[in-house]
Amino acid sequence: MDRTAKIFLNNRSQAVRLPKDFQFSVSEVFIRKQGDEVVLSPRPSNWDAYLENGPVAPADFMAGIEDLPVQEREF
C-alpha cells in the first residue's frame, strides 16, 4: 500500500509526518537504508521481544564450520 507523507524540518533534522494508519505503537524505531529507500521498523522495548520477533538464522548457518579441538594450556 503506497501512500505519500509530508516531510518537514524540525530544528535541524528532517522529519516525516506519518499517516495515522502507518503510526508506530513504540517510542523508538530502527532506521536503515536499502538502496535508495529508507526503512523504519519498530525497536523492541526489551531483549525478549527482540528475540521473539528478530531475525532468525537458517538451520544450516553453521554448516561447513570446523569445530576445533580444545587447546591444552599450561598456566
C-alpha atoms as a PDB file:
ATOM      1  CA  MET A   1       0.000   0.000   0.000  1.00  0.00           C
ATOM      2  CA  ASP A   2       1.808   3.124  -1.204  1.00  0.00           C
ATOM      3  CA  ARG A   3       0.840   6.459   0.309  1.00  0.00           C
ATOM      4  CA  THR A   4       2.534   9.826   0.480  1.00  0.00           C
ATOM      5  CA  ALA A   5       3.684  11.602   3.632  1.00  0.00           C
ATOM      6  CA  LYS A   6       4.816  15.151   4.307  1.00  0.00           C
ATOM      7  CA  ILE A   7       8.480  15.870   5.012  1.00  0.00           C
ATOM      8  CA  PHE A   8       9.340  18.878   7.180  1.00  0.00           C
ATOM      9  CA  LEU A   9      12.215  20.349   9.169  1.00  0.00           C
ATOM     10  CA  ASN A  10      12.199  20.065  12.956  1.00  0.00           C
ATOM     11  CA  ASN A  11      15.033  22.261  14.240  1.00  0.00           C
ATOM     12  CA  ARG A  12      17.933  20.966  12.113  1.00  0.00           C
ATOM     13  CA  SER A  13      16.516  17.494  11.496  1.00  0.00           C
ATOM     14  CA  GLN A  14      14.316  16.302   8.677  1.00  0.00           C
ATOM     15  CA  ALA A  15      11.141  14.578   9.848  1.00  0.00           C
ATOM     16  CA  VAL A  16       8.269  12.702   8.227  1.00  0.00           C
ATOM     17  CA  ARG A  17       4.644  13.051   9.297  1.00  0.00           C
ATOM     18  CA  LEU A  18       3.253   9.518   9.108  1.00  0.00           C
ATOM     19  CA  PRO A  19      -0.413   8.989   8.229  1.00  0.00           C
ATOM     20  CA  LYS A  20      -2.444   7.580  11.131  1.00  0.00           C
ATOM     21  CA  ASP A  21      -2.593   4.045   9.731  1.00  0.00           C
ATOM     22  CA  PHE A  22       1.244   3.967   9.493  1.00  0.00           C
ATOM     23  CA  GLN A  23       1.987   5.202  13.021  1.00  0.00           C
ATOM     24  CA  PHE A  24       4.067   3.063  15.371  1.00  0.00           C
ATOM     25  CA  SER A  25       2.983   1.907  18.830  1.00  0.00           C
ATOM     26  CA  VAL A  26       6.563   2.248  20.155  1.00  0.00           C
ATOM     27  CA  SER A  27       8.608   5.323  21.073  1.00  0.00           C
ATOM     28  CA  GLU A  28      11.704   4.390  19.010  1.00  0.00           C
ATOM     29  CA  VAL A  29      12.303   2.795  15.613  1.00  0.00           C
ATOM     30  CA  PHE A  30      15.280   1.266  13.834  1.00  0.00           C
ATOM     31  CA  ILE A  31      16.220   3.076  10.622  1.00  0.00           C
ATOM     32  CA  ARG A  32      18.233   1.615   7.741  1.00  0.00           C
ATOM     33  CA  LYS A  33      18.850   2.238   4.061  1.00  0.00           C
ATOM     34  CA  GLN A  34      18.130  -0.376   1.417  1.00  0.00           C
ATOM     35  CA  GLY A  35      19.471   1.067  -1.803  1.00  0.00           C
ATOM     36  CA  ASP A  36      17.754   4.450  -2.209  1.00  0.00           C
ATOM     37  CA  GLU A  37      14.958   3.593   0.243  1.00  0.00           C
ATOM     38  CA  VAL A  38      14.781   4.396   3.960  1.00  0.00           C
ATOM     39  CA  VAL A  39      13.120   1.661   6.030  1.00  0.00           C
ATOM     40  CA  LEU A  40      11.707   2.139   9.542  1.00  0.00           C
ATOM     41  CA  SER A  41      10.906  -0.791  11.824  1.00  0.00           C
ATOM     42  CA  PRO A  42       9.789  -0.849  15.456  1.00  0.00           C
ATOM     43  CA  ARG A  43      12.526  -1.101  18.067  1.00  0.00           C
ATOM     44  CA  PRO A  44      11.511  -3.776  20.601  1.00  0.00           C
ATOM     45  CA  SER A  45      11.221  -2.498  24.168  1.00  0.00           C
ATOM     46  CA  ASN A  46      13.337  -5.348  25.591  1.00  0.00           C
ATOM     47  CA  TRP A  47      15.540  -8.264  24.538  1.00  0.00           C
ATOM     48  CA  ASP A  48      12.768 -10.841  24.958  1.00  0.00           C
ATOM     49  CA  ALA A  49      10.614  -9.030  22.407  1.00  0.00           C
ATOM     50  CA  TYR A  50      13.597  -8.711  20.052  1.00  0.00           C
ATOM     51  CA  LEU A  51      14.497 -12.396  20.302  1.00  0.00           C
ATOM     52  CA  GLU A  52      10.872 -13.416  19.708  1.00  0.00           C
ATOM     53  CA  ASN A  53      10.479 -11.200  16.627  1.00  0.00           C
ATOM     54  CA  GLY A  54      14.021 -10.556  15.430  1.00  0.00           C
ATOM     55  CA  PRO A  55      15.885 -12.130  12.540  1.00  0.00           C
ATOM     56  CA  VAL A  56      16.210 -15.915  12.580  1.00  0.00           C
ATOM     57  CA  ALA A  57      19.294 -17.693  11.288  1.00  0.00           C
ATOM     58  CA  PRO A  58      18.665 -20.533   8.834  1.00  0.00           C
ATOM     59  CA  ALA A  59      19.035 -24.053  10.245  1.00  0.00           C
ATOM     60  CA  ASP A  60      22.225 -24.677   8.229  1.00  0.00           C
ATOM     61  CA  PHE A  61      24.009 -21.396   9.048  1.00  0.00           C
ATOM     62  CA  MET A  62      26.790 -23.298  10.862  1.00  0.00           C
ATOM     63  CA  ALA A  63      27.188 -25.950   8.146  1.00  0.00           C
ATOM     64  CA  GLY A  64      30.760 -26.244   7.000  1.00  0.00           C
ATOM     65  CA  ILE A  65      32.213 -24.669  10.166  1.00  0.00           C
ATOM     66  CA  GLU A  66      35.000 -26.810  11.612  1.00  0.00           C
ATOM     67  CA  ASP A  67      34.708 -27.431  15.358  1.00  0.00           C
ATOM     68  CA  LEU A  68      38.280 -27.009  16.617  1.00  0.00           C
ATOM     69  CA  PRO A  69      39.628 -29.256  19.389  1.00  0.00           C
ATOM     70  CA  VAL A  70      40.095 -27.887  22.901  1.00  0.00           C
ATOM     71  CA  GLN A  71      43.589 -26.455  23.409  1.00  0.00           C
ATOM     72  CA  GLU A  72      45.734 -27.712  26.281  1.00  0.00           C
ATOM     73  CA  ARG A  73      47.432 -24.798  28.059  1.00  0.00           C
ATOM     74  CA  GLU A  74      49.846 -24.510  30.941  1.00  0.00           C
ATOM     75  CA  PHE A  75      49.327 -21.788  33.493  1.00  0.00           C
END
